[in-house]
Protein backbone atom coordinates (compact mmCIF):
# COMPACT_ATOMS: atom_id res chain seq x y z
CA UNK A 1 0.00 0.00 0.00
CA UNK A 2 1.35 3.44 -0.98
CA UNK A 3 1.52 5.79 2.00
CA UNK A 4 3.52 8.83 3.08
CA UNK A 5 5.17 7.53 6.25
CA UNK A 6 7.47 4.52 6.50
CA UNK A 7 9.38 3.02 9.41
CA UNK A 8 12.13 0.71 8.22
CA UNK A 9 15.47 -0.78 9.22
CA UNK A 10 18.29 -0.16 6.73
CA UNK A 11 21.10 -2.73 6.78
CA UNK A 12 24.48 -2.33 5.07
CA UNK A 13 27.76 -4.26 4.96
CA UNK A 14 30.50 -2.60 2.91
CA UNK A 15 33.72 -3.71 1.29
CA UNK A 16 35.87 -2.24 4.08
CA UNK A 17 34.45 -4.95 6.42
CA UNK A 18 33.94 -2.47 9.26
CA UNK A 19 30.88 -4.48 10.30
CA UNK A 20 27.13 -4.52 9.73
CA UNK A 21 25.45 -1.11 9.96
CA UNK A 22 21.83 -1.08 11.09
CA UNK A 23 19.61 2.00 11.29
CA UNK A 24 15.98 2.41 12.29
CA UNK A 25 14.61 5.26 10.19
CA UNK A 26 11.34 7.14 9.74
CA UNK A 27 10.78 8.42 6.21
CA UNK A 28 8.09 10.99 5.49
CA UNK A 29 6.88 12.26 2.13
CA UNK A 30 5.23 15.70 1.93
CA UNK A 31 6.11 17.16 -1.48
CA UNK A 32 9.71 16.22 -0.65
CA UNK A 33 11.24 13.37 1.33
CA UNK A 34 12.54 13.84 4.87
CA UNK A 35 13.99 11.35 7.33
CA UNK A 36 14.84 10.81 10.96
CA UNK A 37 17.38 8.22 12.15
CA UNK A 38 15.92 6.94 15.42
CA UNK A 39 18.52 4.34 16.38
CA UNK A 40 21.71 3.15 14.74
CA UNK A 41 24.38 0.62 15.54
CA UNK A 42 27.36 -1.14 13.96
CA UNK A 43 27.90 -4.82 14.76
CA UNK A 44 31.56 -5.74 14.27
CA UNK A 45 32.33 -8.97 12.46
CA UNK A 46 33.85 -11.84 14.39
CA UNK A 47 37.37 -12.77 13.31
CA UNK A 48 35.94 -15.87 11.67
CA UNK A 49 33.49 -13.89 9.53
CA UNK A 50 36.05 -11.17 8.80
CA UNK A 51 38.48 -13.72 7.38
CA UNK A 52 35.79 -15.51 5.42
CA UNK A 53 34.35 -12.34 3.85
CA UNK A 54 37.83 -11.11 2.98
CA UNK A 55 38.39 -14.21 0.84
CA UNK A 56 34.99 -14.35 -0.89
CA UNK A 57 36.42 -13.41 -4.30
CA UNK A 58 38.41 -16.67 -4.26
CA UNK A 59 35.38 -18.91 -3.62
CA UNK A 60 33.77 -21.10 -6.27
CA UNK A 61 30.09 -20.48 -7.10
CA UNK A 62 29.15 -23.63 -5.16
CA UNK A 63 31.11 -22.55 -2.07
CA UNK A 64 29.56 -19.09 -2.31
CA UNK A 65 26.08 -20.57 -2.22
CA UNK A 66 26.95 -22.38 1.02
CA UNK A 67 28.38 -19.19 2.52
CA UNK A 68 25.32 -17.27 1.30
CA UNK A 69 23.00 -19.53 3.27
CA UNK A 70 25.21 -19.37 6.36
CA UNK A 71 25.57 -15.58 6.10
CA UNK A 72 21.81 -15.07 5.60
CA UNK A 73 21.14 -16.97 8.84
CA UNK A 74 23.84 -14.95 10.63
CA UNK A 75 22.50 -11.65 9.26
CA UNK A 76 18.96 -12.55 10.32
CA UNK A 77 20.22 -13.12 13.87
CA UNK A 78 22.04 -9.76 13.90
CA UNK A 79 18.87 -7.97 12.73
CA UNK A 80 16.71 -9.84 15.25
CA UNK A 81 19.04 -8.83 18.07
CA UNK A 82 18.90 -5.18 16.93
CA UNK A 83 15.09 -5.31 17.00
CA UNK A 84 14.97 -6.98 20.44
CA UNK A 85 17.71 -4.90 22.06
CA UNK A 86 16.00 -1.66 21.00
CA UNK A 87 12.40 -2.80 21.60
CA UNK A 88 11.51 -2.00 18.00
CA UNK A 89 7.90 -2.51 16.95
CA UNK A 90 5.70 -1.68 13.98
CA UNK A 91 8.21 -1.61 11.12
CA UNK A 92 7.22 -1.71 7.47
CA UNK A 93 10.28 -3.58 6.22
CA UNK A 94 13.88 -4.61 6.65
CA UNK A 95 15.81 -3.11 3.71
CA UNK A 96 19.11 -4.93 3.37
CA UNK A 97 22.01 -4.63 0.96
CA UNK A 98 23.70 -7.87 1.99
CA UNK A 99 27.45 -8.19 1.41
CA UNK A 100 29.06 -8.10 -2.04
CA UNK A 101 30.82 -11.36 -2.89
CA UNK A 102 31.35 -10.82 -6.63
CA UNK A 103 31.03 -7.68 -8.70
CA UNK A 104 31.97 -8.02 -12.39
CA UNK A 105 29.29 -6.02 -14.20
CA UNK A 106 31.27 -6.11 -17.44
CA UNK A 107 30.63 -9.88 -17.38
CA UNK A 108 27.01 -9.43 -16.31
CA UNK A 109 27.75 -10.71 -12.81
CA UNK A 110 27.04 -9.29 -9.37
CA UNK A 111 26.40 -11.42 -6.29
CA UNK A 112 25.49 -10.16 -2.82
CA UNK A 113 25.25 -12.79 -0.09
CA UNK A 114 22.63 -12.41 2.63
CA UNK A 115 19.67 -11.86 0.30
CA UNK A 116 17.93 -15.23 0.60
CA UNK A 117 14.25 -15.83 1.48
CA UNK A 118 15.40 -17.38 4.75
CA UNK A 119 15.99 -13.80 5.97
CA UNK A 120 12.25 -13.10 6.00
CA UNK A 121 11.43 -16.52 7.47
CA UNK A 122 13.86 -16.05 10.37
CA UNK A 123 12.89 -12.44 11.17
CA UNK A 124 9.19 -12.74 10.28
CA UNK A 125 9.19 -9.23 8.79
CA UNK A 126 8.89 -8.03 5.19
CA UNK A 127 12.36 -7.89 3.63
CA UNK A 128 13.45 -5.81 0.62
CA UNK A 129 16.87 -6.83 -0.68
CA UNK A 130 19.06 -7.81 -3.66
CA UNK A 131 19.10 -4.33 -5.15
CA UNK A 132 21.93 -4.75 -7.69
CA UNK A 133 21.12 -7.82 -9.78
CA UNK A 134 18.30 -6.33 -11.88
CA UNK A 135 20.42 -3.32 -12.82
CA UNK A 136 23.25 -5.52 -14.12
CA UNK A 137 20.71 -7.60 -16.08
CA UNK A 138 19.59 -4.31 -17.69
CA UNK A 139 23.15 -3.58 -18.80
CA UNK A 140 24.08 -1.37 -15.84
CA UNK A 141 27.02 -1.41 -13.47
CA UNK A 142 24.78 -2.35 -10.53
CA UNK A 143 26.49 0.55 -8.77
CA UNK A 144 26.49 3.07 -7.34
CA UNK A 145 22.97 2.88 -5.91
CA UNK A 146 23.25 5.62 -3.29
CA UNK A 147 22.76 8.58 -5.72
CA UNK A 148 18.96 8.36 -5.73
CA UNK A 149 19.19 9.04 -2.00
CA UNK A 150 21.63 11.89 -2.58
CA UNK A 151 19.20 13.38 -5.09
CA UNK A 152 16.06 13.11 -2.94
CA UNK A 153 17.44 13.38 0.62
CA UNK A 154 20.55 15.61 0.28
CA UNK A 155 19.69 17.85 -2.66
CA UNK A 156 21.08 21.04 -1.09
CA UNK A 157 24.66 19.84 -1.71
CA UNK A 158 26.17 20.11 -5.18
CA UNK A 159 28.35 17.04 -4.62
CA UNK A 160 27.96 14.07 -2.29
CA UNK A 161 31.19 12.15 -1.71
CA UNK A 162 31.42 8.99 0.39
CA UNK A 163 34.76 7.73 1.70
CA UNK A 164 34.28 4.04 2.47
CA UNK A 165 36.02 1.01 1.02
CA UNK A 166 35.94 3.10 -2.15
CA UNK A 167 35.34 6.81 -2.70
CA UNK A 168 32.29 7.57 -4.78
CA UNK A 169 30.61 10.73 -5.94
CA UNK A 170 27.19 11.85 -7.07
CA UNK A 171 26.09 15.18 -8.50
CA UNK A 172 23.50 16.86 -10.71
CA UNK A 173 24.88 17.79 -14.14
CA UNK A 174 22.69 19.30 -16.86
CA UNK A 175 19.56 18.16 -15.03
CA UNK A 176 20.73 14.55 -14.76
CA UNK A 177 22.11 12.69 -11.75
CA UNK A 178 25.56 11.31 -12.45
CA UNK A 179 27.62 9.17 -10.11
CA UNK A 180 30.62 6.90 -10.17
CA UNK A 181 33.34 5.34 -8.06
CA UNK A 182 36.38 7.59 -7.82
CA UNK A 183 39.11 5.40 -6.33
CA UNK A 184 39.81 2.86 -3.58
CA UNK A 185 40.14 4.25 -0.03
CA UNK A 186 39.80 2.12 3.12
CA UNK A 187 39.97 -1.15 1.22
CA UNK A 188 43.64 -0.31 0.57
CA UNK A 189 44.55 1.72 3.66
CA UNK A 190 43.11 -0.88 6.04
CA UNK A 191 44.87 -3.76 4.32
CA UNK A 192 48.31 -2.26 4.86
CA UNK A 193 47.73 -0.94 8.35
CA UNK A 194 46.49 -4.43 9.32
CA UNK A 195 50.11 -5.60 8.87
CA UNK A 196 50.83 -3.54 11.99
CA UNK A 197 48.06 -5.37 13.86
CA UNK A 198 45.65 -2.42 13.58
CA UNK A 199 42.13 -2.26 12.13
CA UNK A 200 42.63 1.25 10.72
CA UNK A 201 45.01 4.21 10.77
CA UNK A 202 43.55 6.31 13.59
CA UNK A 203 43.23 9.93 12.38
CA UNK A 204 45.89 9.14 9.75
CA UNK A 205 48.65 9.39 12.36
CA UNK A 206 50.69 6.62 10.71
CA UNK A 207 50.31 7.83 7.13
CA UNK A 208 51.39 11.36 7.95
CA UNK A 209 54.74 10.01 9.17
CA UNK A 210 55.47 8.47 5.78
CA UNK A 211 57.15 9.83 2.67
CA UNK A 212 55.48 9.93 -0.75
CA UNK A 213 57.02 7.59 -3.33
CA UNK A 214 56.42 9.69 -6.43
CA UNK A 215 57.16 6.90 -8.90
CA UNK A 216 54.46 4.71 -7.32
CA UNK A 217 52.12 7.69 -7.06
CA UNK A 218 52.49 8.41 -10.77
CA UNK A 219 51.76 4.79 -11.67
CA UNK A 220 48.68 4.72 -9.47
CA UNK A 221 47.40 7.95 -10.99
CA UNK A 222 47.92 6.57 -14.49
CA UNK A 223 45.81 3.46 -14.07
CA UNK A 224 43.36 3.11 -16.96
CA UNK A 225 40.26 3.29 -14.74
CA UNK A 226 40.93 6.99 -14.03
CA UNK A 227 40.93 7.75 -17.75
CA UNK A 228 37.62 5.95 -18.40
CA UNK A 229 34.42 7.98 -18.53
CA UNK A 230 31.51 7.28 -16.18
CA UNK A 231 29.38 5.30 -15.51
CA UNK A 232 32.02 3.14 -13.88
CA UNK A 233 32.41 1.22 -10.64
CA UNK A 234 35.12 -0.57 -8.71
CA UNK A 235 35.31 -3.86 -6.85
CA UNK A 236 37.84 -5.79 -4.79
CA UNK A 237 38.72 -7.84 -7.88
CA UNK A 238 40.02 -4.70 -9.62
CA UNK A 239 42.06 -3.71 -6.57
CA UNK A 240 43.53 -7.21 -6.30
CA UNK A 241 44.57 -7.13 -9.97
CA UNK A 242 45.66 -3.51 -10.40
CA UNK A 243 46.55 -1.87 -7.08
CA UNK A 244 48.02 -4.36 -4.62
CA UNK A 245 50.59 -5.84 -7.08
CA UNK A 246 51.68 -2.30 -8.03
CA UNK A 247 52.21 -1.26 -4.41
CA UNK A 248 53.84 -4.53 -3.34
CA UNK A 249 56.43 -4.31 -6.12
CA UNK A 250 58.03 -1.34 -4.31
CA UNK A 251 58.71 -3.01 -0.92
CA UNK A 252 57.97 0.24 0.91
CA UNK A 253 57.47 0.71 4.63
CA UNK A 254 53.83 0.70 5.77
CA UNK A 255 54.11 4.42 6.57
CA UNK A 256 55.29 5.23 3.04
CA UNK A 257 52.61 3.05 1.43
CA UNK A 258 49.90 4.80 3.45
CA UNK A 259 51.31 8.27 2.79
CA UNK A 260 51.56 7.63 -0.94
CA UNK A 261 48.07 6.20 -1.17
CA UNK A 262 46.52 9.03 0.87
CA UNK A 263 48.01 11.45 -1.66
CA UNK A 264 46.63 9.33 -4.49
CA UNK A 265 43.13 9.46 -2.98
CA UNK A 266 43.30 13.23 -2.48
CA UNK A 267 44.51 13.79 -6.05
CA UNK A 268 41.78 11.63 -7.59
CA UNK A 269 39.04 13.31 -5.56
CA UNK A 270 40.34 16.80 -6.38
CA UNK A 271 40.33 15.94 -10.11
CA UNK A 272 36.60 15.16 -10.20
CA UNK A 273 35.29 18.13 -8.18
CA UNK A 274 34.49 21.39 -9.93
CA UNK A 275 35.88 24.18 -7.77
CA UNK A 276 33.77 26.46 -5.56
CA UNK A 277 30.96 23.93 -5.12
CA UNK A 278 29.47 22.60 -1.88
CA UNK A 279 30.55 19.05 -1.04
CA UNK A 280 28.97 16.75 1.55
CA UNK A 281 31.52 14.16 2.69
CA UNK A 282 30.50 11.04 4.60
CA UNK A 283 31.83 7.56 5.34
CA UNK A 284 34.52 6.19 7.64
CA UNK A 285 37.28 8.05 5.79
CA UNK A 286 35.98 11.30 7.32
CA UNK A 287 37.58 10.25 10.63
CA UNK A 288 41.01 10.07 8.98
CA UNK A 289 41.83 13.71 9.66
CA UNK A 290 45.11 13.56 7.74
CA UNK A 291 43.33 12.27 4.64
CA UNK A 292 40.69 14.99 5.01
CA UNK A 293 43.39 17.66 5.34
CA UNK A 294 45.03 16.48 2.10
CA UNK A 295 41.67 16.48 0.27
CA UNK A 296 40.87 20.00 1.52
CA UNK A 297 44.33 21.28 0.59
CA UNK A 298 43.98 20.06 -3.02
CA UNK A 299 40.34 21.07 -3.52
CA UNK A 300 38.94 24.58 -3.68
CA UNK A 301 35.52 23.63 -2.37
CA UNK A 302 33.27 24.12 0.62
CA UNK A 303 33.68 20.74 2.35
CA UNK A 304 30.83 19.91 4.74
CA UNK A 305 30.87 17.00 7.19
CA UNK A 306 27.39 16.28 8.63
CA UNK A 307 26.51 15.01 12.09
CA UNK A 308 28.30 11.81 13.12
CA UNK A 309 25.20 9.63 12.77
CA UNK A 310 24.84 10.52 9.08
CA UNK A 311 28.60 10.16 8.48
CA UNK A 312 28.55 6.64 9.86
CA UNK A 313 25.13 5.43 8.71
CA UNK A 314 24.40 7.20 5.44
CA UNK A 315 24.57 4.01 3.39
CA UNK A 316 22.28 2.11 5.77
CA UNK A 317 19.96 5.13 5.64
CA UNK A 318 19.90 5.15 1.86
CA UNK A 319 19.43 1.40 1.46
CA UNK A 320 16.48 1.83 3.80
CA UNK A 321 15.26 4.51 1.39
CA UNK A 322 15.83 2.27 -1.66
CA UNK A 323 13.61 -0.28 0.04
CA UNK A 324 10.88 2.31 0.61
CA UNK A 325 10.98 3.32 -3.06
CA UNK A 326 10.75 -0.36 -4.05
CA UNK A 327 7.73 -0.83 -1.78
CA UNK A 328 6.13 2.13 -3.63
CA UNK A 329 7.23 0.65 -7.01
CA UNK A 330 9.12 3.89 -7.73
CA UNK A 331 12.47 4.14 -9.49
CA UNK A 332 15.44 3.59 -7.20
CA UNK A 333 18.08 2.94 -9.86
CA UNK A 334 19.00 5.71 -12.28
CA UNK A 335 20.15 4.84 -15.80
CA UNK A 336 22.24 8.03 -15.95
CA UNK A 337 24.21 6.70 -12.96
CA UNK A 338 24.58 2.96 -13.59
CA UNK A 339 24.44 2.86 -17.39
CA UNK A 340 21.36 0.59 -17.40
CA UNK A 341 18.94 0.74 -20.33
CA UNK A 342 16.22 2.45 -18.28
CA UNK A 343 15.47 3.88 -14.85
CA UNK A 344 13.86 1.15 -12.80
CA UNK A 345 12.63 -0.03 -9.43
CA UNK A 346 15.13 -2.62 -8.30
CA UNK A 347 15.14 -5.15 -5.49
CA UNK A 348 13.24 -8.22 -4.34
CA UNK A 349 10.43 -8.16 -1.77
CA UNK A 350 9.94 -11.13 0.53
CA UNK A 351 6.53 -10.42 2.02
CA UNK A 352 5.89 -11.32 5.63
């Protein structure tokens, strides 16, 4: 039933493996959309799940199906606990992204685990999920999907940039929403800092001690992806093939690797932003103050960081919103963003 108020739980697990983000959100439509995040929480992965998810790209299709079933049961338990711990009642749907196992849109393949019907059976709530597959079937990249939320929930900003496993951007150009992945961020930084036994480089304190290797920096900046026009998206497979071997060939200290890659990120972001425009920046990378200082020093823009809850839970918020749009049978995937044949309403509904 189409209505103007929705109460949903948005669920997101990103490539940086920070954990599962859950957000209880009220959405209200009155000429324009507004939202209120009521509760939000991140559930860290156990070491066992962290290791397993990190290696998903190496799994066979058969092994992935087994992991998919196991992960769907695990995800259902996480969501159930969130509902019970916060005494949540009267929700319209659980809107879940799942976790990306394979993303090769050029081969017509994208696979997110945690999107099985067992999710609805375990939770006994309507579930909206599997948002990417239809877009890839329609010739799109299956990513990024967040821009419809940027367009309808954060329209006062001329650019929305998210710094997660990858940096991505969305903006309005000539009356059309455009969006694309810019470059890897935490998926690379976290890998190298993990060699020091750390989950992340707190405030960028390690990277700022390093020295830029300009030869490596030049090679990173000259990767073909940065010359390609949008729509375009990145996945772990691309990083494994193009970035890690390049970095590892130099045998640099962790500090120098981090410093060089921070500069690479800042350069790539500065190249895609038109100067003197307002930029909303969200995602875990916002807490890397050294990275943010390098981005601000190379860009001539008004950089805005919103309240912490939006920084940390914007993707969970927007996947909740994608689910609401699907429930209303309204477009939640934009052809101008993903390269699909048409705008469309993507996702699967498992009705409770």
